[in-house]
Amino acid sequence: MSSKDIPAGAEGGTVVARNRKARHDFFIDSTLEAGIVLQGSEVKSLRLGKGTLSDAWAGDKAGELWLFNSHIPIYEAANRFNHEPKRARKLLVKAREMNKLLAAVQRNGATLVPLSVYFNAKGRAKIELGIAKGKRKYDKRQTQKERDWGRQKARVLRDRG
């Protein structure tokens, strides 16, 4: 894992879930770290390294920022005190940041995409959000061509070496 793959606040922490498909499907303009409100059984499930962000997105609900469609599996030992796996989870951001994010979504047609969930050095669960614009099919092909050319170039330079 390179240093650019680690979210800004995750130094000294552990990355639990990563949305690898997001960088393939979207152009990520900027990123932001946000707190996430979790129940006890959700935290324990995340500490075991479970959880997915593949179809998740963030948006406005009653003037607050929420995470929708993220899956955190139930924690078996929690028994009857378990959580609902796909429930909406509140995100904790400052009011100014939230207004900036929601304005970007409404004005530019951007999307708030969760990129990763991790525990920071203090042990708090955080989520990295990206302000993203969707890629079209030809954009994806162009990205793939650039990636392949970079690999070929590195291979040629290494062989001449």
Protein backbone atom coordinates (compact mmCIF):
# COMPACT_ATOMS: atom_id res chain seq x y z
CA MET A 1 0.00 0.00 0.00
CA SER A 2 1.49 3.29 -1.02
CA SER A 3 1.23 6.51 0.95
CA LYS A 4 -1.29 7.97 -1.50
CA ASP A 5 -3.67 5.06 -0.80
CA ILE A 6 -3.80 5.83 2.92
CA PRO A 7 -6.48 8.38 3.84
CA ALA A 8 -5.27 11.64 5.33
CA GLY A 9 -6.24 10.88 8.93
CA ALA A 10 -5.45 7.17 8.97
CA GLU A 11 -1.75 7.42 9.83
CA GLY A 12 -1.28 5.08 12.76
CA GLY A 13 -4.74 3.59 12.24
CA THR A 14 -6.22 0.74 10.26
CA VAL A 15 -8.22 0.87 7.04
CA VAL A 16 -11.28 -1.35 7.35
CA ALA A 17 -13.07 -0.98 4.02
CA ARG A 18 -12.10 0.64 0.74
CA ASN A 19 -14.30 1.50 -2.21
CA ARG A 20 -11.95 0.47 -5.01
CA LYS A 21 -14.63 0.81 -7.65
CA ALA A 22 -15.08 4.52 -6.90
CA ARG A 23 -11.82 5.59 -8.56
CA HIS A 24 -12.76 3.53 -11.61
CA ASP A 25 -16.26 4.97 -11.96
CA PHE A 26 -15.65 8.58 -10.89
CA PHE A 27 -13.24 11.50 -11.22
CA ILE A 28 -12.44 12.41 -7.59
CA ASP A 29 -12.08 16.20 -7.28
CA SER A 30 -11.34 16.50 -3.57
CA THR A 31 -11.58 14.45 -0.41
CA LEU A 32 -12.79 15.12 3.09
CA GLU A 33 -12.60 13.24 6.38
CA ALA A 34 -15.83 12.86 8.35
CA GLY A 35 -16.82 11.15 11.55
CA ILE A 36 -19.51 8.51 11.49
CA VAL A 37 -22.14 7.72 14.14
CA LEU A 38 -22.09 3.98 14.83
CA GLN A 39 -23.71 1.61 17.30
CA GLY A 40 -21.56 -0.64 19.46
CA SER A 41 -22.15 -3.78 17.42
CA GLU A 42 -21.24 -1.90 14.23
CA VAL A 43 -17.91 -0.81 15.71
CA LYS A 44 -17.12 -4.38 16.75
CA SER A 45 -17.99 -5.68 13.29
CA LEU A 46 -15.74 -3.04 11.68
CA ARG A 47 -12.90 -3.90 14.07
CA LEU A 48 -13.08 -7.45 12.67
CA GLY A 49 -12.43 -5.96 9.23
CA LYS A 50 -15.93 -6.47 7.86
CA GLY A 51 -17.91 -3.89 5.94
CA THR A 52 -18.38 -2.80 2.34
CA LEU A 53 -18.80 0.54 0.59
CA SER A 54 -19.28 -0.67 -2.98
CA ASP A 55 -22.76 0.80 -3.53
CA ALA A 56 -22.69 3.44 -0.80
CA TRP A 57 -23.27 7.16 -1.25
CA ALA A 58 -23.67 10.20 0.99
CA GLY A 59 -26.38 12.79 0.79
CA ASP A 60 -28.68 15.25 2.52
CA LYS A 61 -31.48 14.11 4.80
CA ALA A 62 -33.35 16.70 6.87
CA GLY A 63 -30.49 19.20 6.68
CA GLU A 64 -27.81 16.72 7.81
CA LEU A 65 -25.28 14.57 5.98
CA TRP A 66 -26.01 10.83 5.96
CA LEU A 67 -24.33 7.72 4.55
CA PHE A 68 -26.72 5.48 2.63
CA ASN A 69 -26.51 1.88 1.43
CA SER A 70 -23.27 0.94 3.20
CA HIS A 71 -23.20 -2.61 4.50
CA ILE A 72 -21.81 -3.48 7.92
CA PRO A 73 -22.65 -7.13 8.69
CA ILE A 74 -24.21 -8.05 12.00
CA TYR A 75 -21.92 -8.91 14.90
CA GLU A 76 -22.93 -12.40 16.01
CA ALA A 77 -21.91 -11.98 19.67
CA ALA A 78 -24.17 -8.92 20.07
CA ASN A 79 -27.20 -11.24 20.02
CA ARG A 80 -30.44 -9.25 20.36
CA PHE A 81 -28.65 -5.88 20.59
CA ASN A 82 -27.52 -6.06 16.98
CA HIS A 83 -27.91 -3.39 14.31
CA GLU A 84 -29.57 -3.33 10.91
CA PRO A 85 -26.80 -4.01 8.32
CA LYS A 86 -27.84 -1.45 5.66
CA ARG A 87 -29.24 1.34 7.83
CA ALA A 88 -28.51 5.00 7.08
CA ARG A 89 -25.68 6.36 9.25
CA LYS A 90 -25.21 9.99 10.22
CA LEU A 91 -21.95 11.65 9.21
CA LEU A 92 -20.28 14.21 11.43
CA VAL A 93 -18.91 17.25 9.62
CA LYS A 94 -18.79 20.92 10.49
CA ALA A 95 -21.68 23.03 9.24
CA ARG A 96 -19.48 25.05 6.88
CA GLU A 97 -18.02 21.88 5.32
CA MET A 98 -21.48 20.33 4.96
CA ASN A 99 -22.82 23.44 3.23
CA LYS A 100 -19.84 23.42 0.85
CA LEU A 101 -20.37 19.73 0.03
CA LEU A 102 -24.11 20.04 -0.52
CA ALA A 103 -23.63 23.16 -2.65
CA ALA A 104 -21.13 21.29 -4.85
CA VAL A 105 -23.60 18.45 -5.27
CA GLN A 106 -26.48 20.75 -6.25
CA ARG A 107 -24.52 23.22 -8.39
CA ASN A 108 -22.08 20.97 -10.24
CA GLY A 109 -24.04 17.74 -10.35
CA ALA A 110 -21.33 16.03 -8.33
CA THR A 111 -21.79 13.03 -6.04
CA LEU A 112 -20.48 12.35 -2.54
CA VAL A 113 -18.79 8.97 -2.72
CA PRO A 114 -17.31 7.22 0.33
CA LEU A 115 -13.77 6.12 -0.48
CA SER A 116 -12.74 4.33 2.71
CA VAL A 117 -13.67 3.61 6.32
CA TYR A 118 -10.86 3.47 8.83
CA PHE A 119 -9.95 3.89 12.46
CA ASN A 120 -7.64 6.81 13.13
CA ALA A 121 -4.76 6.83 15.62
CA LYS A 122 -7.17 7.62 18.47
CA GLY A 123 -9.32 4.61 17.57
CA ARG A 124 -12.26 6.62 16.22
CA ALA A 125 -14.11 5.42 13.13
CA LYS A 126 -13.75 7.86 10.25
CA ILE A 127 -14.88 7.87 6.65
CA GLU A 128 -13.15 9.50 3.70
CA LEU A 129 -15.62 11.17 1.34
CA GLY A 130 -14.81 12.25 -2.19
CA ILE A 131 -16.56 14.90 -4.25
CA ALA A 132 -16.85 13.04 -7.52
CA LYS A 133 -18.11 13.38 -11.07
CA GLY A 134 -19.11 10.31 -13.05
CA LYS A 135 -16.89 8.92 -15.78
CA ARG A 136 -18.28 7.99 -19.14
CA LYS A 137 -17.31 4.82 -20.94
CA TYR A 138 -14.69 6.55 -23.10
CA ASP A 139 -13.17 8.16 -19.99
CA LYS A 140 -12.75 4.72 -18.44
CA ARG A 141 -11.12 3.41 -21.61
CA GLN A 142 -8.73 6.38 -21.68
CA THR A 143 -7.76 5.78 -18.05
CA GLN A 144 -7.11 2.11 -18.83
CA LYS A 145 -4.93 3.05 -21.83
CA GLU A 146 -2.87 5.43 -19.70
CA ARG A 147 -2.43 2.79 -17.01
CA ASP A 148 -1.36 0.15 -19.56
CA TRP A 149 1.08 2.57 -21.21
CA GLY A 150 2.61 3.39 -17.83
CA ARG A 151 3.15 -0.32 -17.15
CA GLN A 152 4.71 -0.89 -20.59
CA LYS A 153 6.96 2.13 -20.20
CA ALA A 154 8.14 0.94 -16.78
CA ARG A 155 8.76 -2.56 -18.16
CA VAL A 156 10.85 -1.23 -21.08
CA LEU A 157 12.90 1.04 -18.80
CA ARG A 158 13.48 -1.78 -16.34
CA ASP A 159 14.63 -4.17 -19.10
CA ARG A 160 17.03 -1.64 -20.64
CA GLY A 161 18.24 -0.82 -17.26
